[in-house]
Amino acid sequence: MARVLIIGAGGVANVMAVKASQEPGLFTGITIASRQRDKCDRIAARLSGAVPVNTATLDAGDPGAVAALIRENRGEVVLNAALPEQNLPVMEACLVAGAHYIDTSAPEPVPGRYEMFAYKWQLDFHDRFEKAGLTALLSIGFDPGVTNIFTAHAAGILDDIDSLDILDCNGGSHGHPFATNFNPVTNIQEITQPGVWWEDAEWKKEPAFQTQEEFDLPGLG
């Protein structure tokens, strides 16, 4: 069993906290930390109470502050749901404090500059994490993440797969004319960056929105 530190207080962090609180056999304590502690407190108030929870104020871009909070709360696993540009500082803090690391998105070390799969910056941590006996799981969100599991499952039950298209749509309603699934800046950056796909054993890309296709999503249209 482990104590977990969840960094962030948005929708993704909320889901992480709820799921962790439902697993008293896996987690002995939960710390939720963000720049706005009141948001963390609201998440904590909604949890089941099966796992002890506390909150803290934290600047995720400050490796020293993150490492100190990990040590203070004896965190063994860090679930990073902060902004992508804070991935690298949090990884550095995990190395310093001796905690395993999980995030949901690729970093953007240079704001505003698109790089196809900017994992190089994180993969540069590989040897240091391995030497420290720590694990880092990258981009364990929905796509990539859940869609990888769906794909592996399909590959295990089908004889052959000629092509695979992944369509991402949210059928929920926020009651507003427009609402993103997570951080608006990150969401808009994702859909305006070049489209990337794997074909003929290589990565290919084209300008955003160049290829269009209509698809009738069940129950949504």
Protein backbone atom coordinates (compact mmCIF):
# COMPACT_ATOMS: atom_id res chain seq x y z
CA MET A 1 0.00 0.00 0.00
CA ALA A 2 1.17 3.54 -0.68
CA ARG A 3 0.56 7.19 0.02
CA VAL A 4 -0.25 9.15 -3.13
CA LEU A 5 0.25 12.82 -3.97
CA ILE A 6 -2.15 14.18 -6.60
CA ILE A 7 -0.99 17.44 -8.18
CA GLY A 8 -3.74 19.53 -9.74
CA ALA A 9 -7.34 20.39 -8.91
CA GLY A 10 -9.15 20.22 -12.24
CA GLY A 11 -11.43 17.57 -13.68
CA VAL A 12 -8.66 15.00 -14.22
CA ALA A 13 -7.33 15.42 -10.68
CA ASN A 14 -10.88 15.08 -9.35
CA VAL A 15 -11.29 11.72 -11.09
CA MET A 16 -7.90 10.57 -9.80
CA ALA A 17 -8.83 11.50 -6.24
CA VAL A 18 -12.23 9.81 -6.39
CA LYS A 19 -10.75 6.59 -7.77
CA ALA A 20 -7.89 6.56 -5.25
CA SER A 21 -10.32 7.12 -2.37
CA GLN A 22 -12.24 4.01 -3.45
CA GLU A 23 -9.16 1.80 -3.04
CA PRO A 24 -8.29 1.59 0.67
CA GLY A 25 -6.51 -1.67 -0.08
CA LEU A 26 -4.06 0.16 -2.34
CA PHE A 27 -3.68 3.60 -0.77
CA THR A 28 -3.14 4.56 2.85
CA GLY A 29 -3.37 8.30 2.31
CA ILE A 30 -4.10 10.94 -0.34
CA THR A 31 -2.69 14.46 -0.61
CA ILE A 32 -4.25 16.82 -3.16
CA ALA A 33 -2.13 19.87 -3.96
CA SER A 34 -2.57 22.84 -6.28
CA ARG A 35 -1.96 26.58 -6.47
CA GLN A 36 -5.55 27.08 -5.29
CA ARG A 37 -6.03 25.08 -2.13
CA ASP A 38 -9.74 25.85 -1.96
CA LYS A 39 -10.26 23.78 -5.11
CA CYS A 40 -8.38 20.90 -3.49
CA ASP A 41 -10.58 21.23 -0.41
CA ARG A 42 -13.72 20.98 -2.55
CA ILE A 43 -12.46 17.77 -4.13
CA ALA A 44 -11.52 16.35 -0.73
CA ALA A 45 -14.99 17.11 0.63
CA ARG A 46 -16.55 14.92 -2.06
CA LEU A 47 -14.47 11.84 -1.31
CA SER A 48 -15.82 8.74 0.41
CA GLY A 49 -13.61 8.95 3.48
CA ALA A 50 -12.35 5.38 3.08
CA VAL A 51 -8.81 6.72 2.63
CA PRO A 52 -7.45 9.63 4.74
CA VAL A 53 -7.02 12.80 2.67
CA ASN A 54 -5.37 16.17 3.19
CA THR A 55 -4.73 19.18 0.94
CA ALA A 56 -1.91 21.64 0.35
CA THR A 57 -0.97 24.72 -1.64
CA LEU A 58 1.71 24.00 -4.24
CA ASP A 59 3.49 25.58 -7.19
CA ALA A 60 4.08 22.54 -9.40
CA GLY A 61 6.69 24.45 -11.39
CA ASP A 62 8.98 24.60 -8.34
CA PRO A 63 10.86 21.28 -8.03
CA GLY A 64 12.08 22.12 -4.54
CA ALA A 65 8.58 22.81 -3.27
CA VAL A 66 7.23 19.64 -4.86
CA ALA A 67 10.04 17.51 -3.38
CA ALA A 68 9.46 19.04 0.06
CA LEU A 69 5.73 18.24 -0.10
CA ILE A 70 6.42 14.66 -1.19
CA ARG A 71 8.72 14.20 1.80
CA GLU A 72 6.38 15.97 4.21
CA ASN A 73 3.50 13.67 3.27
CA ARG A 74 5.68 10.56 2.79
CA GLY A 75 4.39 10.29 -0.76
CA GLU A 76 5.42 7.16 -2.64
CA VAL A 77 3.54 7.82 -5.89
CA VAL A 78 2.89 11.16 -7.59
CA LEU A 79 -0.09 11.48 -9.95
CA ASN A 80 0.62 14.61 -11.96
CA ALA A 81 -2.52 16.28 -13.33
CA ALA A 82 -0.97 19.75 -13.53
CA LEU A 83 -0.24 21.56 -16.80
CA PRO A 84 2.03 19.80 -19.34
CA GLU A 85 4.79 22.38 -18.93
CA GLN A 86 5.07 21.33 -15.28
CA ASN A 87 5.85 17.68 -16.06
CA LEU A 88 9.62 18.11 -16.04
CA PRO A 89 9.85 20.00 -12.72
CA VAL A 90 7.62 17.39 -11.07
CA MET A 91 9.74 14.54 -12.47
CA GLU A 92 12.85 16.23 -11.09
CA ALA A 93 11.17 16.49 -7.70
CA CYS A 94 10.25 12.80 -7.74
CA LEU A 95 13.89 11.89 -8.31
CA VAL A 96 14.99 14.10 -5.43
CA ALA A 97 12.32 12.81 -3.03
CA GLY A 98 12.27 9.17 -4.19
CA ALA A 99 8.72 8.86 -5.51
CA HIS A 100 7.27 7.06 -8.52
CA TYR A 101 5.73 9.27 -11.22
CA ILE A 102 2.61 9.14 -13.44
CA ASP A 103 1.27 11.85 -15.77
CA THR A 104 -1.41 12.22 -18.45
CA SER A 105 0.21 14.36 -21.15
CA ALA A 106 3.44 15.15 -22.98
CA PRO A 107 5.41 18.20 -21.80
CA GLU A 108 5.83 21.45 -23.66
CA PRO A 109 9.24 22.74 -22.50
CA VAL A 110 9.13 25.57 -25.04
CA PRO A 111 5.66 27.19 -24.84
CA GLY A 112 4.01 27.71 -28.20
CA ARG A 113 6.47 25.56 -30.18
CA TYR A 114 5.04 22.35 -31.59
CA GLU A 115 7.16 19.22 -31.49
CA MET A 116 5.89 15.88 -32.74
CA PHE A 117 5.71 13.72 -29.62
CA ALA A 118 7.77 15.84 -27.26
CA TYR A 119 8.72 12.86 -25.10
CA LYS A 120 12.45 13.32 -25.62
CA TRP A 121 12.60 15.65 -22.65
CA GLN A 122 11.04 13.06 -20.38
CA LEU A 123 12.88 10.07 -21.83
CA ASP A 124 16.12 11.85 -20.94
CA PHE A 125 15.17 11.04 -17.32
CA HIS A 126 15.18 7.28 -18.03
CA ASP A 127 18.64 6.38 -16.73
CA ARG A 128 18.24 8.49 -13.61
CA PHE A 129 14.87 6.92 -12.74
CA GLU A 130 16.23 3.43 -13.41
CA LYS A 131 19.29 4.04 -11.24
CA ALA A 132 17.05 5.32 -8.43
CA GLY A 133 14.80 2.25 -8.68
CA LEU A 134 11.83 4.44 -9.60
CA THR A 135 9.15 4.08 -12.28
CA ALA A 136 7.74 6.85 -14.47
CA LEU A 137 4.60 6.18 -16.55
CA LEU A 138 4.00 8.83 -19.20
CA SER A 139 0.76 10.02 -20.83
CA ILE A 140 -1.52 7.58 -19.01
CA GLY A 141 -4.59 9.63 -19.85
CA PHE A 142 -7.30 8.76 -22.36
CA ASP A 143 -5.61 9.04 -25.74
CA PRO A 144 -2.92 7.91 -25.40
CA GLY A 145 -3.79 5.81 -22.38
CA VAL A 146 -7.21 4.17 -22.37
CA THR A 147 -7.22 3.99 -26.18
CA ASN A 148 -3.98 1.96 -26.03
CA ILE A 149 -5.77 -0.59 -23.85
CA PHE A 150 -8.76 -0.69 -26.23
CA THR A 151 -6.38 -1.19 -29.17
CA ALA A 152 -4.46 -3.99 -27.46
CA HIS A 153 -7.73 -5.70 -26.56
CA ALA A 154 -8.95 -5.51 -30.15
CA ALA A 155 -5.64 -6.85 -31.45
CA GLY A 156 -5.97 -9.81 -29.10
CA ILE A 157 -9.36 -10.91 -30.41
CA LEU A 158 -9.15 -10.04 -34.13
CA ASP A 159 -7.24 -12.06 -36.71
CA ASP A 160 -5.95 -8.99 -38.54
CA ILE A 161 -6.22 -5.20 -38.29
CA ASP A 162 -5.77 -3.28 -41.53
CA SER A 163 -6.37 0.19 -40.11
CA LEU A 164 -7.40 1.81 -36.86
CA ASP A 165 -9.11 5.18 -36.39
CA ILE A 166 -9.53 6.71 -32.93
CA LEU A 167 -12.43 9.16 -32.58
CA ASP A 168 -12.66 11.14 -29.35
CA CYS A 169 -15.96 12.75 -28.38
CA ASN A 170 -17.49 13.80 -25.07
CA GLY A 171 -21.22 13.16 -24.75
CA GLY A 172 -21.60 15.04 -21.48
CA SER A 173 -23.01 18.51 -20.90
CA HIS A 174 -21.65 21.35 -18.75
CA GLY A 175 -24.68 23.52 -19.39
CA HIS A 176 -22.49 26.09 -21.17
CA PRO A 177 -22.25 27.01 -24.88
CA PHE A 178 -18.60 25.92 -24.86
CA ALA A 179 -16.61 23.95 -22.30
CA THR A 180 -13.36 22.01 -22.75
CA ASN A 181 -12.68 18.62 -21.19
CA PHE A 182 -9.62 19.92 -19.35
CA ASN A 183 -7.28 22.91 -19.43
CA PRO A 184 -8.59 25.15 -22.27
CA VAL A 185 -5.14 26.24 -23.50
CA THR A 186 -3.88 22.65 -23.69
CA ASN A 187 -7.11 21.49 -25.34
CA ILE A 188 -6.94 24.18 -28.04
CA GLN A 189 -3.24 23.53 -28.63
CA GLU A 190 -3.97 19.86 -29.23
CA ILE A 191 -6.60 20.41 -31.90
CA THR A 192 -4.65 23.14 -33.72
CA GLN A 193 -1.37 21.22 -33.92
CA PRO A 194 -0.55 19.16 -37.03
CA GLY A 195 -2.39 15.87 -37.38
CA VAL A 196 -0.12 12.87 -36.81
CA TRP A 197 -0.67 9.23 -37.72
CA TRP A 198 1.25 5.98 -38.26
CA GLU A 199 1.25 4.57 -41.79
CA ASP A 200 3.63 2.36 -43.79
CA ALA A 201 5.93 1.91 -40.80
CA GLU A 202 6.51 5.62 -40.21
CA TRP A 203 4.97 8.67 -38.57
CA LYS A 204 3.29 11.10 -40.95
CA LYS A 205 1.75 14.49 -40.36
CA GLU A 206 -0.26 17.21 -42.07
CA PRO A 207 -1.70 20.62 -41.12
CA ALA A 208 -4.60 20.61 -38.67
CA PHE A 209 -8.08 20.13 -40.17
CA GLN A 210 -6.70 19.29 -43.62
CA THR A 211 -8.41 15.89 -43.65
CA GLN A 212 -12.08 15.85 -42.70
CA GLU A 213 -14.59 13.03 -42.36
CA GLU A 214 -18.18 12.84 -41.19
CA PHE A 215 -18.99 10.13 -38.67
CA ASP A 216 -22.31 9.39 -36.98
CA LEU A 217 -21.45 8.83 -33.32
CA PRO A 218 -24.01 6.51 -31.66
CA GLY A 219 -26.36 8.51 -29.48
CA LEU A 220 -24.66 11.80 -30.33
CA GLY A 221 -24.93 12.27 -34.09
